[in-house]
Amino acid sequence: MAEISESDMAQARIAVGALMESLGVTAHLYAVEPREGRWAVIVECATETGWQRAELQAGPELLAAIRGDAKAGAMLLAEWRPHLDACKRG
């Protein structure tokens, strides 16, 4: 990834929010950070026994998902879902 602009950061945050909503995850916090040519997505979510933290990865497909690329969004959801299985769903 080239240098990350404020616009890219904002779009990445929006994309992660939309993907978390698609997963149905309730009670969660997340942060998006550019890291080594990819995005690090840190998610903390409520579980039945407390809270869990997961650090997920994404590449350019994160921004593609917010631009309407359904395949990119589906790929990220499939990759992230196992890491967030214990999170409470709405």
C-alpha atoms as a PDB file:
ATOM      1  CA  MET A   1       0.000   0.000   0.000  1.00  0.00           C
ATOM      2  CA  ALA A   2       1.171   3.500  -0.719  1.00  0.00           C
ATOM      3  CA  GLU A   3       1.072   6.174   1.940  1.00  0.00           C
ATOM      4  CA  ILE A   4      -2.267   6.107   3.746  1.00  0.00           C
ATOM      5  CA  SER A   5      -4.381   9.254   3.476  1.00  0.00           C
ATOM      6  CA  GLU A   6      -6.894  10.488   6.051  1.00  0.00           C
ATOM      7  CA  SER A   7      -9.591   9.658   3.509  1.00  0.00           C
ATOM      8  CA  ASP A   8      -8.352   6.056   3.252  1.00  0.00           C
ATOM      9  CA  MET A   9      -8.291   5.768   7.065  1.00  0.00           C
ATOM     10  CA  ALA A  10     -11.860   7.066   7.307  1.00  0.00           C
ATOM     11  CA  GLN A  11     -13.025   4.697   4.560  1.00  0.00           C
ATOM     12  CA  ALA A  12     -11.271   1.765   6.227  1.00  0.00           C
ATOM     13  CA  ARG A  13     -13.041   2.513   9.527  1.00  0.00           C
ATOM     14  CA  ILE A  14     -16.391   2.714   7.729  1.00  0.00           C
ATOM     15  CA  ALA A  15     -15.689  -0.567   5.919  1.00  0.00           C
ATOM     16  CA  VAL A  16     -14.830  -2.367   9.159  1.00  0.00           C
ATOM     17  CA  GLY A  17     -17.971  -0.998  10.808  1.00  0.00           C
ATOM     18  CA  ALA A  18     -20.096  -2.242   7.916  1.00  0.00           C
ATOM     19  CA  LEU A  19     -18.426  -5.667   7.981  1.00  0.00           C
ATOM     20  CA  MET A  20     -18.934  -5.983  11.744  1.00  0.00           C
ATOM     21  CA  GLU A  21     -22.590  -5.106  11.227  1.00  0.00           C
ATOM     22  CA  SER A  22     -22.816  -7.789   8.514  1.00  0.00           C
ATOM     23  CA  LEU A  23     -21.461 -10.312  11.002  1.00  0.00           C
ATOM     24  CA  GLY A  24     -24.126  -9.245  13.503  1.00  0.00           C
ATOM     25  CA  VAL A  25     -21.540  -8.633  16.218  1.00  0.00           C
ATOM     26  CA  THR A  26     -23.007  -6.539  19.031  1.00  0.00           C
ATOM     27  CA  ALA A  27     -21.089  -4.841  21.863  1.00  0.00           C
ATOM     28  CA  HIS A  28     -17.747  -4.336  20.151  1.00  0.00           C
ATOM     29  CA  LEU A  29     -14.946  -1.827  19.780  1.00  0.00           C
ATOM     30  CA  TYR A  30     -12.504  -1.754  16.916  1.00  0.00           C
ATOM     31  CA  ALA A  31      -9.503   0.137  15.614  1.00  0.00           C
ATOM     32  CA  VAL A  32      -7.971   0.170  12.149  1.00  0.00           C
ATOM     33  CA  GLU A  33      -4.251   0.771  11.697  1.00  0.00           C
ATOM     34  CA  PRO A  34      -2.057   0.749   8.599  1.00  0.00           C
ATOM     35  CA  ARG A  35       0.657  -1.852   9.095  1.00  0.00           C
ATOM     36  CA  GLU A  36       3.309  -3.244   6.740  1.00  0.00           C
ATOM     37  CA  GLY A  37       1.384  -2.667   3.538  1.00  0.00           C
ATOM     38  CA  ARG A  38      -1.846  -4.029   4.998  1.00  0.00           C
ATOM     39  CA  TRP A  39      -4.456  -3.035   7.533  1.00  0.00           C
ATOM     40  CA  ALA A  40      -4.485  -4.318  11.096  1.00  0.00           C
ATOM     41  CA  VAL A  41      -8.025  -4.484  12.446  1.00  0.00           C
ATOM     42  CA  ILE A  42      -8.133  -4.854  16.219  1.00  0.00           C
ATOM     43  CA  VAL A  43     -11.529  -5.972  17.499  1.00  0.00           C
ATOM     44  CA  GLU A  44     -12.659  -6.312  21.092  1.00  0.00           C
ATOM     45  CA  CYS A  45     -16.074  -7.838  21.564  1.00  0.00           C
ATOM     46  CA  ALA A  46     -18.339  -9.086  24.316  1.00  0.00           C
ATOM     47  CA  THR A  47     -18.603 -12.853  24.718  1.00  0.00           C
ATOM     48  CA  GLU A  48     -20.736 -14.980  27.032  1.00  0.00           C
ATOM     49  CA  THR A  49     -17.897 -15.021  29.572  1.00  0.00           C
ATOM     50  CA  GLY A  50     -16.414 -11.527  29.194  1.00  0.00           C
ATOM     51  CA  TRP A  51     -14.479  -9.865  26.392  1.00  0.00           C
ATOM     52  CA  GLN A  52     -12.111 -11.136  23.733  1.00  0.00           C
ATOM     53  CA  ARG A  53      -9.545  -9.382  21.564  1.00  0.00           C
ATOM     54  CA  ALA A  54      -8.678 -10.383  18.022  1.00  0.00           C
ATOM     55  CA  GLU A  55      -6.199  -8.831  15.625  1.00  0.00           C
ATOM     56  CA  LEU A  56      -7.342  -9.352  12.050  1.00  0.00           C
ATOM     57  CA  GLN A  57      -5.624  -8.493   8.779  1.00  0.00           C
ATOM     58  CA  ALA A  58      -6.867  -6.964   5.554  1.00  0.00           C
ATOM     59  CA  GLY A  59      -5.284  -5.644   2.396  1.00  0.00           C
ATOM     60  CA  PRO A  60      -6.635  -3.408  -0.349  1.00  0.00           C
ATOM     61  CA  GLU A  61      -9.790  -5.530  -0.340  1.00  0.00           C
ATOM     62  CA  LEU A  62     -10.911  -3.582   2.736  1.00  0.00           C
ATOM     63  CA  LEU A  63     -11.280  -0.377   0.738  1.00  0.00           C
ATOM     64  CA  ALA A  64     -12.676  -2.336  -2.218  1.00  0.00           C
ATOM     65  CA  ALA A  65     -15.427  -3.676   0.056  1.00  0.00           C
ATOM     66  CA  ILE A  66     -16.581  -0.178   0.983  1.00  0.00           C
ATOM     67  CA  ARG A  67     -16.633   0.729  -2.710  1.00  0.00           C
ATOM     68  CA  GLY A  68     -19.171  -2.015  -3.321  1.00  0.00           C
ATOM     69  CA  ASP A  69     -16.970  -4.989  -4.213  1.00  0.00           C
ATOM     70  CA  ALA A  70     -19.167  -7.781  -2.837  1.00  0.00           C
ATOM     71  CA  LYS A  71     -16.513 -10.451  -3.507  1.00  0.00           C
ATOM     72  CA  ALA A  72     -13.918  -8.545  -1.431  1.00  0.00           C
ATOM     73  CA  GLY A  73     -16.395  -8.089   1.410  1.00  0.00           C
ATOM     74  CA  ALA A  74     -17.382 -11.761   1.363  1.00  0.00           C
ATOM     75  CA  MET A  75     -13.729 -12.814   1.387  1.00  0.00           C
ATOM     76  CA  LEU A  76     -13.001 -10.675   4.454  1.00  0.00           C
ATOM     77  CA  LEU A  77     -16.100 -11.920   6.266  1.00  0.00           C
ATOM     78  CA  ALA A  78     -15.118 -15.536   5.604  1.00  0.00           C
ATOM     79  CA  GLU A  79     -11.591 -14.864   6.868  1.00  0.00           C
ATOM     80  CA  TRP A  80     -12.684 -12.938   9.984  1.00  0.00           C
ATOM     81  CA  ARG A  81     -15.739 -14.986  11.033  1.00  0.00           C
ATOM     82  CA  PRO A  82     -13.803 -17.837  12.746  1.00  0.00           C
ATOM     83  CA  HIS A  83     -11.860 -15.315  14.850  1.00  0.00           C
ATOM     84  CA  LEU A  84     -15.076 -13.668  16.025  1.00  0.00           C
ATOM     85  CA  ASP A  85     -17.248 -16.758  16.588  1.00  0.00           C
ATOM     86  CA  ALA A  86     -17.382 -16.226  20.349  1.00  0.00           C
ATOM     87  CA  CYS A  87     -18.626 -12.636  20.005  1.00  0.00           C
ATOM     88  CA  LYS A  88     -22.208 -11.952  20.989  1.00  0.00           C
ATOM     89  CA  ARG A  89     -24.564 -11.537  18.062  1.00  0.00           C
ATOM     90  CA  GLY A  90     -27.647  -9.376  17.864  1.00  0.00           C
END
